[in-house]
Amino acid sequence: FIDTFQKLSLDLLRTTLSKNDTFVNAESLAGFLPFFEDALKSDNEGVIISTLRVLGLIMDVPFETESDIFKSCARRCLSIIKNYPSTESELCQACYKYLSNIIRHREDLSLKESSLGYLLVRIQPDLQEQSRQGMAFNFLKALVAKHVMIPEVYDTMDKIREVMVTSHSKERRDMSRSIYFQFIMEYDQGKGRLEKQFKFLVNNLSYPAETGKQSVMELIHLILQKSGRELLEALSSSFFVALAKVLISETSTKTREMSIALISSIFEKMGTEPYEKYILGWLNSQNSSLLRCSLQLYRIKLKVNSLFGNELDDAVIASIKSILES
């Protein structure tokens, strides 16, 4: 009966605090700290889960009396996770949620890098599991938001980008894309790793599933909007060529429209001149698909830059006349 009353008391306290912000202060809650410490030592999962939920709710409260309740709770969470064979249990997921809050809100409580690495490795399989993906993504987002630089973050991001393309769930693709975008824009990549990241995007513009291609294109849109000119100069040509391929090979109207929008964005950001050599080269090709591609690209170019009179313009006019005459 003790466990039942403990859990009931904690749940009532959490309900009261969540509905009455005026009680969420040190003066009102200091007397509960010893009770929380006892509850964390319980062998009853329900009591521990209820305690974690209350502590997560009051994590920002500046208690005047010195207390290591939040640190003790973090240690308890690590111990629980290590002793469970799977993260599937409600208790493990509650522990991960608590540790995510610690990472986000408590600068004074830093977890060891070895512990963070262990926690990340444990949740990697959960990125594909619908029942546990929310917990896994929440923990990873907390680490990325704080720019935690450990090898396991980089390893996990390789899996995140795969989920971004291959997942059948729009929610999972969207979450993965958001985290991956923040990672490639804010984390130190090094030249070789950055090239690898963008090569992955270019290669997956030909991914068989329409949803995968579109997810990659949405990420490219974010990169084009947020990147500086130096980065765009390095990668826009490879994006342009890959998007041109999508333009002529894709059967989905929506995907083609997205490729047109991205090519237009590249032209607006970088000007049309760097890409006219591609259009001119394909215009002179004997391949009918490349010829069609060049004319479609030229139409996009005219919408962005209507200046007329250079070599490309003359070549397009000559090509159109030749096609009509034949």
C-alpha atoms as a PDB file:
ATOM      1  CA  PHE A   1       0.000   0.000   0.000  1.00  0.00           C
ATOM      2  CA  ILE A   2       2.930   2.350   0.621  1.00  0.00           C
ATOM      3  CA  ASP A   3       3.897   2.304  -3.075  1.00  0.00           C
ATOM      4  CA  THR A   4       0.308   3.000  -4.102  1.00  0.00           C
ATOM      5  CA  PHE A   5       0.006   6.002  -1.787  1.00  0.00           C
ATOM      6  CA  GLN A   6       3.430   7.325  -2.832  1.00  0.00           C
ATOM      7  CA  LYS A   7       2.502   7.193  -6.499  1.00  0.00           C
ATOM      8  CA  LEU A   8      -0.911   8.745  -5.850  1.00  0.00           C
ATOM      9  CA  SER A   9       0.666  11.579  -3.860  1.00  0.00           C
ATOM     10  CA  LEU A  10       3.219  12.281  -6.581  1.00  0.00           C
ATOM     11  CA  ASP A  11       0.606  12.237  -9.333  1.00  0.00           C
ATOM     12  CA  LEU A  12      -1.635  14.608  -7.357  1.00  0.00           C
ATOM     13  CA  LEU A  13       1.313  16.923  -6.784  1.00  0.00           C
ATOM     14  CA  ARG A  14       2.204  16.921 -10.486  1.00  0.00           C
ATOM     15  CA  THR A  15      -1.401  17.674 -11.456  1.00  0.00           C
ATOM     16  CA  THR A  16      -1.541  20.529  -8.959  1.00  0.00           C
ATOM     17  CA  LEU A  17       1.744  22.047 -10.155  1.00  0.00           C
ATOM     18  CA  SER A  18       0.868  21.736 -13.839  1.00  0.00           C
ATOM     19  CA  LYS A  19      -2.422  23.595 -13.277  1.00  0.00           C
ATOM     20  CA  ASN A  20      -1.110  26.191 -10.804  1.00  0.00           C
ATOM     21  CA  ASP A  21       2.136  27.883 -11.834  1.00  0.00           C
ATOM     22  CA  THR A  22       2.108  29.978  -8.661  1.00  0.00           C
ATOM     23  CA  PHE A  23       3.105  26.887  -6.652  1.00  0.00           C
ATOM     24  CA  VAL A  24       6.157  26.151  -8.805  1.00  0.00           C
ATOM     25  CA  ASN A  25       8.672  27.943  -6.591  1.00  0.00           C
ATOM     26  CA  ALA A  26      11.327  27.057  -4.019  1.00  0.00           C
ATOM     27  CA  GLU A  27       9.294  28.195  -1.045  1.00  0.00           C
ATOM     28  CA  SER A  28       6.388  25.871  -1.884  1.00  0.00           C
ATOM     29  CA  LEU A  29       8.469  22.864  -2.929  1.00  0.00           C
ATOM     30  CA  ALA A  30      11.554  22.789  -0.667  1.00  0.00           C
ATOM     31  CA  GLY A  31       9.760  20.613   1.889  1.00  0.00           C
ATOM     32  CA  PHE A  32       9.102  17.945  -0.734  1.00  0.00           C
ATOM     33  CA  LEU A  33      12.781  17.339  -1.600  1.00  0.00           C
ATOM     34  CA  PRO A  34      13.419  14.642   1.062  1.00  0.00           C
ATOM     35  CA  PHE A  35      10.276  12.851  -0.103  1.00  0.00           C
ATOM     36  CA  PHE A  36      11.522  12.917  -3.712  1.00  0.00           C
ATOM     37  CA  GLU A  37      14.875  11.444  -2.607  1.00  0.00           C
ATOM     38  CA  ASP A  38      13.124   8.575  -0.846  1.00  0.00           C
ATOM     39  CA  ALA A  39      10.828   7.946  -3.815  1.00  0.00           C
ATOM     40  CA  LEU A  40      13.793   7.642  -6.192  1.00  0.00           C
ATOM     41  CA  LYS A  41      15.117   4.738  -4.084  1.00  0.00           C
ATOM     42  CA  SER A  42      11.865   2.826  -4.508  1.00  0.00           C
ATOM     43  CA  ASP A  43      11.797  -0.573  -6.212  1.00  0.00           C
ATOM     44  CA  ASN A  44       8.401   0.267  -7.684  1.00  0.00           C
ATOM     45  CA  GLU A  45       8.579   1.448 -11.305  1.00  0.00           C
ATOM     46  CA  GLY A  46       5.391   3.486 -11.036  1.00  0.00           C
ATOM     47  CA  VAL A  47       6.737   5.482  -8.083  1.00  0.00           C
ATOM     48  CA  ILE A  48      10.005   6.235  -9.893  1.00  0.00           C
ATOM     49  CA  ILE A  49       8.189   7.291 -13.090  1.00  0.00           C
ATOM     50  CA  SER A  50       5.908   9.635 -11.131  1.00  0.00           C
ATOM     51  CA  THR A  51       8.945  11.117  -9.348  1.00  0.00           C
ATOM     52  CA  LEU A  52      10.743  11.708 -12.653  1.00  0.00           C
ATOM     53  CA  ARG A  53       7.705  13.495 -14.043  1.00  0.00           C
ATOM     54  CA  VAL A  54       7.465  15.817 -11.035  1.00  0.00           C
ATOM     55  CA  LEU A  55      11.201  16.584 -11.088  1.00  0.00           C
ATOM     56  CA  GLY A  56      11.019  17.306 -14.808  1.00  0.00           C
ATOM     57  CA  LEU A  57       8.282  19.812 -14.070  1.00  0.00           C
ATOM     58  CA  ILE A  58      10.269  21.702 -11.397  1.00  0.00           C
ATOM     59  CA  MET A  59      13.737  21.486 -12.928  1.00  0.00           C
ATOM     60  CA  ASP A  60      14.063  25.267 -13.352  1.00  0.00           C
ATOM     61  CA  VAL A  61      13.187  26.080  -9.727  1.00  0.00           C
ATOM     62  CA  PRO A  62      16.166  27.744  -7.952  1.00  0.00           C
ATOM     63  CA  PHE A  63      16.143  26.075  -4.537  1.00  0.00           C
ATOM     64  CA  GLU A  64      17.967  28.095  -1.886  1.00  0.00           C
ATOM     65  CA  THR A  65      18.898  25.057   0.175  1.00  0.00           C
ATOM     66  CA  GLU A  66      21.719  23.033  -1.313  1.00  0.00           C
ATOM     67  CA  SER A  67      20.309  19.827  -2.712  1.00  0.00           C
ATOM     68  CA  ASP A  68      21.687  17.257  -5.138  1.00  0.00           C
ATOM     69  CA  ILE A  69      18.260  15.799  -5.880  1.00  0.00           C
ATOM     70  CA  PHE A  70      18.535  16.464  -9.634  1.00  0.00           C
ATOM     71  CA  LYS A  71      22.056  15.028  -9.798  1.00  0.00           C
ATOM     72  CA  SER A  72      21.012  11.984  -7.753  1.00  0.00           C
ATOM     73  CA  CYS A  73      18.084  11.490 -10.098  1.00  0.00           C
ATOM     74  CA  ALA A  74      20.365  11.649 -13.156  1.00  0.00           C
ATOM     75  CA  ARG A  75      22.595   8.947 -11.639  1.00  0.00           C
ATOM     76  CA  ARG A  76      19.551   6.814 -10.877  1.00  0.00           C
ATOM     77  CA  CYS A  77      18.347   7.179 -14.475  1.00  0.00           C
ATOM     78  CA  LEU A  78      21.707   6.091 -15.870  1.00  0.00           C
ATOM     79  CA  SER A  79      21.751   3.090 -13.575  1.00  0.00           C
ATOM     80  CA  ILE A  80      18.221   2.074 -14.585  1.00  0.00           C
ATOM     81  CA  ILE A  81      18.961   2.360 -18.321  1.00  0.00           C
ATOM     82  CA  LYS A  82      22.140   0.282 -17.978  1.00  0.00           C
ATOM     83  CA  ASN A  83      20.279  -2.441 -16.087  1.00  0.00           C
ATOM     84  CA  TYR A  84      17.464  -2.772 -18.623  1.00  0.00           C
ATOM     85  CA  PRO A  85      18.050  -4.916 -21.724  1.00  0.00           C
ATOM     86  CA  SER A  86      15.795  -2.701 -23.847  1.00  0.00           C
ATOM     87  CA  THR A  87      14.669   0.929 -23.889  1.00  0.00           C
ATOM     88  CA  GLU A  88      11.135  -0.240 -24.618  1.00  0.00           C
ATOM     89  CA  SER A  89       9.916  -0.042 -21.015  1.00  0.00           C
ATOM     90  CA  GLU A  90       8.002   3.016 -19.816  1.00  0.00           C
ATOM     91  CA  LEU A  91      10.556   3.495 -17.046  1.00  0.00           C
ATOM     92  CA  CYS A  92      13.502   3.644 -19.491  1.00  0.00           C
ATOM     93  CA  GLN A  93      11.681   6.138 -21.676  1.00  0.00           C
ATOM     94  CA  ALA A  94      10.859   8.289 -18.625  1.00  0.00           C
ATOM     95  CA  CYS A  95      14.562   8.210 -17.690  1.00  0.00           C
ATOM     96  CA  TYR A  96      15.588   9.353 -21.167  1.00  0.00           C
ATOM     97  CA  LYS A  97      13.051  12.166 -21.039  1.00  0.00           C
ATOM     98  CA  TYR A  98      14.394  13.326 -17.677  1.00  0.00           C
ATOM     99  CA  LEU A  99      18.005  13.254 -18.927  1.00  0.00           C
ATOM    100  CA  SER A 100      16.958  15.219 -22.027  1.00  0.00           C
ATOM    101  CA  ASN A 101      15.556  17.908 -19.733  1.00  0.00           C
ATOM    102  CA  ILE A 102      18.776  17.914 -17.701  1.00  0.00           C
ATOM    103  CA  ILE A 103      20.836  18.483 -20.861  1.00  0.00           C
ATOM    104  CA  ARG A 104      18.557  21.291 -22.013  1.00  0.00           C
ATOM    105  CA  HIS A 105      17.919  23.164 -18.771  1.00  0.00           C
ATOM    106  CA  ARG A 106      20.667  22.453 -16.235  1.00  0.00           C
ATOM    107  CA  GLU A 107      24.034  23.861 -17.269  1.00  0.00           C
ATOM    108  CA  ASP A 108      25.376  23.017 -13.797  1.00  0.00           C
ATOM    109  CA  LEU A 109      24.738  19.290 -14.261  1.00  0.00           C
ATOM    110  CA  SER A 110      26.903  18.023 -17.097  1.00  0.00           C
ATOM    111  CA  LEU A 111      26.813  14.313 -17.870  1.00  0.00           C
ATOM    112  CA  LYS A 112      30.089  12.598 -18.731  1.00  0.00           C
ATOM    113  CA  GLU A 113      30.830  12.198 -22.425  1.00  0.00           C
ATOM    114  CA  SER A 114      31.180   8.440 -21.950  1.00  0.00           C
ATOM    115  CA  SER A 115      27.666   8.317 -20.458  1.00  0.00           C
ATOM    116  CA  LEU A 116      26.216  10.422 -23.279  1.00  0.00           C
ATOM    117  CA  GLY A 117      27.907   8.192 -25.851  1.00  0.00           C
ATOM    118  CA  TYR A 118      26.478   5.088 -24.203  1.00  0.00           C
ATOM    119  CA  LEU A 119      22.980   6.601 -24.100  1.00  0.00           C
ATOM    120  CA  LEU A 120      23.159   7.519 -27.789  1.00  0.00           C
ATOM    121  CA  VAL A 121      24.261   4.056 -28.881  1.00  0.00           C
ATOM    122  CA  ARG A 122      21.388   2.532 -26.900  1.00  0.00           C
ATOM    123  CA  ILE A 123      18.736   4.571 -28.708  1.00  0.00           C
ATOM    124  CA  GLN A 124      20.023   4.188 -32.273  1.00  0.00           C
ATOM    125  CA  PRO A 125      17.693   1.215 -33.002  1.00  0.00           C
ATOM    126  CA  ASP A 126      14.776   3.265 -31.614  1.00  0.00           C
ATOM    127  CA  LEU A 127      15.047   5.823 -34.423  1.00  0.00           C
ATOM    128  CA  GLN A 128      13.170   3.334 -36.631  1.00  0.00           C
ATOM    129  CA  GLU A 129      10.656   2.218 -33.992  1.00  0.00           C
ATOM    130  CA  GLN A 130       7.405   4.162 -34.043  1.00  0.00           C
ATOM    131  CA  SER A 131       6.626   3.491 -30.377  1.00  0.00           C
ATOM    132  CA  ARG A 132      10.016   4.790 -29.193  1.00  0.00           C
ATOM    133  CA  GLN A 133      11.049   7.264 -31.868  1.00  0.00           C
ATOM    134  CA  GLY A 134       9.695  10.284 -29.962  1.00  0.00           C
ATOM    135  CA  MET A 135      11.936   9.572 -26.999  1.00  0.00           C
ATOM    136  CA  ALA A 136      14.963   8.910 -29.228  1.00  0.00           C
ATOM    137  CA  PHE A 137      14.530  12.062 -31.318  1.00  0.00           C
ATOM    138  CA  ASN A 138      13.896  14.178 -28.214  1.00  0.00           C
ATOM    139  CA  PHE A 139      17.161  13.027 -26.625  1.00  0.00           C
ATOM    140  CA  LEU A 140      19.146  13.578 -29.821  1.00  0.00           C
ATOM    141  CA  LYS A 141      17.628  17.052 -30.302  1.00  0.00           C
ATOM    142  CA  ALA A 142      18.710  17.977 -26.772  1.00  0.00           C
ATOM    143  CA  LEU A 143      22.314  16.971 -27.523  1.00  0.00           C
ATOM    144  CA  VAL A 144      22.423  18.806 -30.860  1.00  0.00           C
ATOM    145  CA  ALA A 145      20.850  21.944 -29.355  1.00  0.00           C
ATOM    146  CA  LYS A 146      23.707  22.027 -26.825  1.00  0.00           C
ATOM    147  CA  HIS A 147      26.316  21.228 -29.510  1.00  0.00           C
ATOM    148  CA  VAL A 148      27.586  18.152 -27.683  1.00  0.00           C
ATOM    149  CA  MET A 149      30.673  17.094 -29.676  1.00  0.00           C
ATOM    150  CA  ILE A 150      31.274  13.364 -29.262  1.00  0.00           C
ATOM    151  CA  PRO A 151      31.939  10.697 -31.933  1.00  0.00           C
ATOM    152  CA  GLU A 152      28.622   8.986 -31.218  1.00  0.00           C
ATOM    153  CA  VAL A 153      26.707  12.103 -32.346  1.00  0.00           C
ATOM    154  CA  TYR A 154      28.382  11.923 -35.771  1.00  0.00           C
ATOM    155  CA  ASP A 155      27.705   8.168 -36.011  1.00  0.00           C
ATOM    156  CA  THR A 156      24.050   8.673 -35.073  1.00  0.00           C
ATOM    157  CA  MET A 157      23.650  11.404 -37.692  1.00  0.00           C
ATOM    158  CA  ASP A 158      24.571   8.912 -40.403  1.00  0.00           C
ATOM    159  CA  LYS A 159      21.537   6.913 -39.283  1.00  0.00           C
ATOM    160  CA  ILE A 160      19.362  10.040 -38.999  1.00  0.00           C
ATOM    161  CA  ARG A 161      19.980  10.999 -42.625  1.00  0.00           C
ATOM    162  CA  GLU A 162      19.011   7.479 -43.693  1.00  0.00           C
ATOM    163  CA  VAL A 163      15.731   7.802 -41.779  1.00  0.00           C
ATOM    164  CA  MET A 164      15.177  11.194 -43.444  1.00  0.00           C
ATOM    165  CA  VAL A 165      15.122   9.475 -46.841  1.00  0.00           C
ATOM    166  CA  THR A 166      13.881   5.934 -46.266  1.00  0.00           C
ATOM    167  CA  SER A 167      11.197   6.289 -43.586  1.00  0.00           C
ATOM    168  CA  HIS A 168       7.574   5.774 -44.636  1.00  0.00           C
ATOM    169  CA  SER A 169       6.445   8.135 -41.853  1.00  0.00           C
ATOM    170  CA  LYS A 170       6.250  11.832 -42.758  1.00  0.00           C
ATOM    171  CA  GLU A 171       6.657  12.748 -39.092  1.00  0.00           C
ATOM    172  CA  ARG A 172       9.878  10.746 -38.833  1.00  0.00           C
ATOM    173  CA  ARG A 173      11.234  12.241 -42.074  1.00  0.00           C
ATOM    174  CA  ASP A 174      10.423  15.758 -40.863  1.00  0.00           C
ATOM    175  CA  MET A 175      12.026  15.225 -37.449  1.00  0.00           C
ATOM    176  CA  SER A 176      15.122  13.662 -38.983  1.00  0.00           C
ATOM    177  CA  ARG A 177      15.483  16.475 -41.509  1.00  0.00           C
ATOM    178  CA  SER A 178      15.211  19.162 -38.824  1.00  0.00           C
ATOM    179  CA  ILE A 179      17.921  17.569 -36.661  1.00  0.00           C
ATOM    180  CA  TYR A 180      20.183  16.737 -39.613  1.00  0.00           C
ATOM    181  CA  PHE A 181      19.958  20.279 -40.997  1.00  0.00           C
ATOM    182  CA  GLN A 182      20.982  21.763 -37.652  1.00  0.00           C
ATOM    183  CA  PHE A 183      23.834  19.277 -37.463  1.00  0.00           C
ATOM    184  CA  ILE A 184      25.363  19.996 -40.882  1.00  0.00           C
ATOM    185  CA  MET A 185      24.985  23.768 -40.437  1.00  0.00           C
ATOM    186  CA  GLU A 186      26.245  24.131 -36.854  1.00  0.00           C
ATOM    187  CA  TYR A 187      28.665  21.270 -36.226  1.00  0.00           C
ATOM    188  CA  ASP A 188      32.293  21.209 -37.339  1.00  0.00           C
ATOM    189  CA  GLN A 189      32.332  18.850 -40.318  1.00  0.00           C
ATOM    190  CA  GLY A 190      35.755  19.239 -41.833  1.00  0.00           C
ATOM    191  CA  LYS A 191      36.117  19.411 -45.616  1.00  0.00           C
ATOM    192  CA  GLY A 192      35.995  15.670 -46.247  1.00  0.00           C
ATOM    193  CA  ARG A 193      32.952  15.024 -44.056  1.00  0.00           C
ATOM    194  CA  LEU A 194      31.048  18.009 -45.468  1.00  0.00           C
ATOM    195  CA  GLU A 195      31.627  16.783 -49.024  1.00  0.00           C
ATOM    196  CA  LYS A 196      30.386  13.359 -47.932  1.00  0.00           C
ATOM    197  CA  GLN A 197      27.204  14.903 -46.492  1.00  0.00           C
ATOM    198  CA  PHE A 198      26.378  16.779 -49.698  1.00  0.00           C
ATOM    199  CA  LYS A 199      27.272  13.796 -51.876  1.00  0.00           C
ATOM    200  CA  PHE A 200      24.688  11.813 -49.900  1.00  0.00           C
ATOM    201  CA  LEU A 201      22.044  14.438 -50.736  1.00  0.00           C
ATOM    202  CA  VAL A 202      22.932  14.516 -54.437  1.00  0.00           C
ATOM    203  CA  ASN A 203      22.901  10.712 -54.701  1.00  0.00           C
ATOM    204  CA  ASN A 204      19.503  10.477 -53.021  1.00  0.00           C
ATOM    205  CA  LEU A 205      17.859  12.878 -55.453  1.00  0.00           C
ATOM    206  CA  SER A 206      17.523   9.711 -57.519  1.00  0.00           C
ATOM    207  CA  TYR A 207      16.096   7.653 -54.634  1.00  0.00           C
ATOM    208  CA  PRO A 208      13.295   5.416 -55.999  1.00  0.00           C
ATOM    209  CA  ALA A 209      10.584   6.499 -53.563  1.00  0.00           C
ATOM    210  CA  GLU A 210       9.003   9.869 -54.275  1.00  0.00           C
ATOM    211  CA  THR A 211       8.787  10.747 -50.569  1.00  0.00           C
ATOM    212  CA  GLY A 212      12.528  10.169 -50.133  1.00  0.00           C
ATOM    213  CA  LYS A 213      13.430  12.436 -53.045  1.00  0.00           C
ATOM    214  CA  GLN A 214      11.098  15.150 -51.794  1.00  0.00           C
ATOM    215  CA  SER A 215      12.561  14.976 -48.290  1.00  0.00           C
ATOM    216  CA  VAL A 216      16.048  15.536 -49.708  1.00  0.00           C
ATOM    217  CA  MET A 217      14.765  18.429 -51.824  1.00  0.00           C
ATOM    218  CA  GLU A 218      13.180  20.062 -48.795  1.00  0.00           C
ATOM    219  CA  LEU A 219      16.540  19.895 -47.026  1.00  0.00           C
ATOM    220  CA  ILE A 220      18.315  21.372 -50.065  1.00  0.00           C
ATOM    221  CA  HIS A 221      15.786  24.220 -49.958  1.00  0.00           C
ATOM    222  CA  LEU A 222      16.760  24.942 -46.333  1.00  0.00           C
ATOM    223  CA  ILE A 223      20.459  24.843 -47.235  1.00  0.00           C
ATOM    224  CA  LEU A 224      19.966  27.261 -50.133  1.00  0.00           C
ATOM    225  CA  GLN A 225      18.040  29.662 -47.894  1.00  0.00           C
ATOM    226  CA  LYS A 226      20.442  29.606 -44.937  1.00  0.00           C
ATOM    227  CA  SER A 227      23.919  29.101 -46.436  1.00  0.00           C
ATOM    228  CA  GLY A 228      26.479  31.806 -47.194  1.00  0.00           C
ATOM    229  CA  ARG A 229      27.702  32.462 -50.704  1.00  0.00           C
ATOM    230  CA  GLU A 230      31.024  30.659 -50.203  1.00  0.00           C
ATOM    231  CA  LEU A 231      29.313  27.386 -49.349  1.00  0.00           C
ATOM    232  CA  LEU A 232      26.805  27.776 -52.185  1.00  0.00           C
ATOM    233  CA  GLU A 233      29.602  28.326 -54.695  1.00  0.00           C
ATOM    234  CA  ALA A 234      31.105  25.010 -53.624  1.00  0.00           C
ATOM    235  CA  LEU A 235      27.962  22.908 -53.861  1.00  0.00           C
ATOM    236  CA  SER A 236      25.405  24.633 -56.108  1.00  0.00           C
ATOM    237  CA  SER A 237      26.747  23.154 -59.359  1.00  0.00           C
ATOM    238  CA  SER A 238      26.382  19.580 -58.150  1.00  0.00           C
ATOM    239  CA  PHE A 239      22.890  20.385 -56.850  1.00  0.00           C
ATOM    240  CA  PHE A 240      22.014  22.013 -60.184  1.00  0.00           C
ATOM    241  CA  VAL A 241      23.068  19.009 -62.273  1.00  0.00           C
ATOM    242  CA  ALA A 242      21.254  16.541 -60.017  1.00  0.00           C
ATOM    243  CA  LEU A 243      18.079  18.667 -59.984  1.00  0.00           C
ATOM    244  CA  ALA A 244      18.187  18.966 -63.769  1.00  0.00           C
ATOM    245  CA  LYS A 245      18.192  15.161 -63.931  1.00  0.00           C
ATOM    246  CA  VAL A 246      15.123  15.087 -61.665  1.00  0.00           C
ATOM    247  CA  LEU A 247      13.439  17.621 -63.944  1.00  0.00           C
ATOM    248  CA  ILE A 248      13.544  15.351 -66.997  1.00  0.00           C
ATOM    249  CA  SER A 249      13.347  11.889 -65.420  1.00  0.00           C
ATOM    250  CA  GLU A 250      10.702  12.306 -62.708  1.00  0.00           C
ATOM    251  CA  THR A 251       7.083  11.344 -63.436  1.00  0.00           C
ATOM    252  CA  SER A 252       5.631  13.018 -60.331  1.00  0.00           C
ATOM    253  CA  THR A 253       4.295  16.506 -61.032  1.00  0.00           C
ATOM    254  CA  LYS A 254       4.956  17.640 -57.460  1.00  0.00           C
ATOM    255  CA  THR A 255       8.575  16.457 -57.538  1.00  0.00           C
ATOM    256  CA  ARG A 256       9.204  18.208 -60.867  1.00  0.00           C
ATOM    257  CA  GLU A 257       7.687  21.407 -59.510  1.00  0.00           C
ATOM    258  CA  MET A 258       9.956  21.191 -56.472  1.00  0.00           C
ATOM    259  CA  SER A 259      13.006  20.770 -58.722  1.00  0.00           C
ATOM    260  CA  ILE A 260      11.961  23.825 -60.768  1.00  0.00           C
ATOM    261  CA  ALA A 261      11.572  25.866 -57.580  1.00  0.00           C
ATOM    262  CA  LEU A 262      15.024  24.810 -56.343  1.00  0.00           C
ATOM    263  CA  ILE A 263      16.721  25.530 -59.681  1.00  0.00           C
ATOM    264  CA  SER A 264      15.037  28.950 -59.689  1.00  0.00           C
ATOM    265  CA  SER A 265      16.357  29.534 -56.173  1.00  0.00           C
ATOM    266  CA  ILE A 266      19.895  28.619 -57.286  1.00  0.00           C
ATOM    267  CA  PHE A 267      19.621  31.059 -60.216  1.00  0.00           C
ATOM    268  CA  GLU A 268      18.356  33.814 -57.915  1.00  0.00           C
ATOM    269  CA  LYS A 269      21.096  33.239 -55.362  1.00  0.00           C
ATOM    270  CA  MET A 270      24.045  32.696 -57.685  1.00  0.00           C
ATOM    271  CA  GLY A 271      22.970  34.266 -60.973  1.00  0.00           C
ATOM    272  CA  THR A 272      22.407  32.275 -64.162  1.00  0.00           C
ATOM    273  CA  GLU A 273      25.841  32.705 -65.770  1.00  0.00           C
ATOM    274  CA  PRO A 274      27.652  29.852 -63.902  1.00  0.00           C
ATOM    275  CA  TYR A 275      25.084  27.348 -65.208  1.00  0.00           C
ATOM    276  CA  GLU A 276      24.651  28.520 -68.796  1.00  0.00           C
ATOM    277  CA  LYS A 277      27.578  26.324 -69.895  1.00  0.00           C
ATOM    278  CA  TYR A 278      25.611  23.253 -68.794  1.00  0.00           C
ATOM    279  CA  ILE A 279      22.497  24.375 -70.639  1.00  0.00           C
ATOM    280  CA  LEU A 280      24.531  25.158 -73.759  1.00  0.00           C
ATOM    281  CA  GLY A 281      26.332  21.795 -73.641  1.00  0.00           C
ATOM    282  CA  TRP A 282      23.091  19.823 -73.318  1.00  0.00           C
ATOM    283  CA  LEU A 283      21.495  21.943 -76.038  1.00  0.00           C
ATOM    284  CA  ASN A 284      24.105  20.701 -78.509  1.00  0.00           C
ATOM    285  CA  SER A 285      23.658  17.070 -77.451  1.00  0.00           C
ATOM    286  CA  GLN A 286      22.224  14.449 -79.784  1.00  0.00           C
ATOM    287  CA  ASN A 287      20.301  13.046 -76.814  1.00  0.00           C
ATOM    288  CA  SER A 288      16.670  14.144 -77.021  1.00  0.00           C
ATOM    289  CA  SER A 289      16.215  14.014 -73.223  1.00  0.00           C
ATOM    290  CA  LEU A 290      19.175  16.346 -72.669  1.00  0.00           C
ATOM    291  CA  LEU A 291      17.891  18.667 -75.383  1.00  0.00           C
ATOM    292  CA  ARG A 292      14.478  18.781 -73.706  1.00  0.00           C
ATOM    293  CA  CYS A 293      16.187  19.395 -70.346  1.00  0.00           C
ATOM    294  CA  SER A 294      18.206  22.307 -71.719  1.00  0.00           C
ATOM    295  CA  LEU A 295      15.104  23.997 -73.134  1.00  0.00           C
ATOM    296  CA  GLN A 296      13.235  23.584 -69.849  1.00  0.00           C
ATOM    297  CA  LEU A 297      16.191  25.012 -67.933  1.00  0.00           C
ATOM    298  CA  TYR A 298      16.391  27.908 -70.357  1.00  0.00           C
ATOM    299  CA  ARG A 299      12.726  28.683 -69.685  1.00  0.00           C
ATOM    300  CA  ILE A 300      13.448  28.755 -65.927  1.00  0.00           C
ATOM    301  CA  LYS A 301      16.456  30.978 -66.616  1.00  0.00           C
ATOM    302  CA  LEU A 302      14.312  33.488 -68.542  1.00  0.00           C
ATOM    303  CA  LYS A 303      11.898  33.795 -65.629  1.00  0.00           C
ATOM    304  CA  VAL A 304      14.772  34.714 -63.325  1.00  0.00           C
ATOM    305  CA  ASN A 305      16.908  36.677 -65.783  1.00  0.00           C
ATOM    306  CA  SER A 306      15.168  38.016 -68.887  1.00  0.00           C
ATOM    307  CA  LEU A 307      18.276  39.718 -70.312  1.00  0.00           C
ATOM    308  CA  PHE A 308      18.715  38.584 -73.901  1.00  0.00           C
ATOM    309  CA  GLY A 309      21.519  38.595 -76.449  1.00  0.00           C
ATOM    310  CA  ASN A 310      24.348  36.276 -75.398  1.00  0.00           C
ATOM    311  CA  GLU A 311      25.679  33.032 -76.899  1.00  0.00           C
ATOM    312  CA  LEU A 312      23.145  30.846 -75.108  1.00  0.00           C
ATOM    313  CA  ASP A 313      20.192  32.890 -76.366  1.00  0.00           C
ATOM    314  CA  ASP A 314      21.398  32.639 -79.966  1.00  0.00           C
ATOM    315  CA  ALA A 315      21.972  28.897 -79.617  1.00  0.00           C
ATOM    316  CA  VAL A 316      18.480  28.313 -78.202  1.00  0.00           C
ATOM    317  CA  ILE A 317      16.847  30.281 -81.036  1.00  0.00           C
ATOM    318  CA  ALA A 318      18.852  28.312 -83.606  1.00  0.00           C
ATOM    319  CA  SER A 319      17.933  25.007 -81.930  1.00  0.00           C
ATOM    320  CA  ILE A 320      14.215  25.855 -81.849  1.00  0.00           C
ATOM    321  CA  LYS A 321      14.273  26.826 -85.528  1.00  0.00           C
ATOM    322  CA  SER A 322      16.052  23.561 -86.393  1.00  0.00           C
ATOM    323  CA  ILE A 323      13.530  21.496 -84.440  1.00  0.00           C
ATOM    324  CA  LEU A 324      10.549  23.229 -86.057  1.00  0.00           C
ATOM    325  CA  GLU A 325      11.991  22.936 -89.540  1.00  0.00           C
ATOM    326  CA  SER A 326      12.614  19.213 -89.117  1.00  0.00           C
END
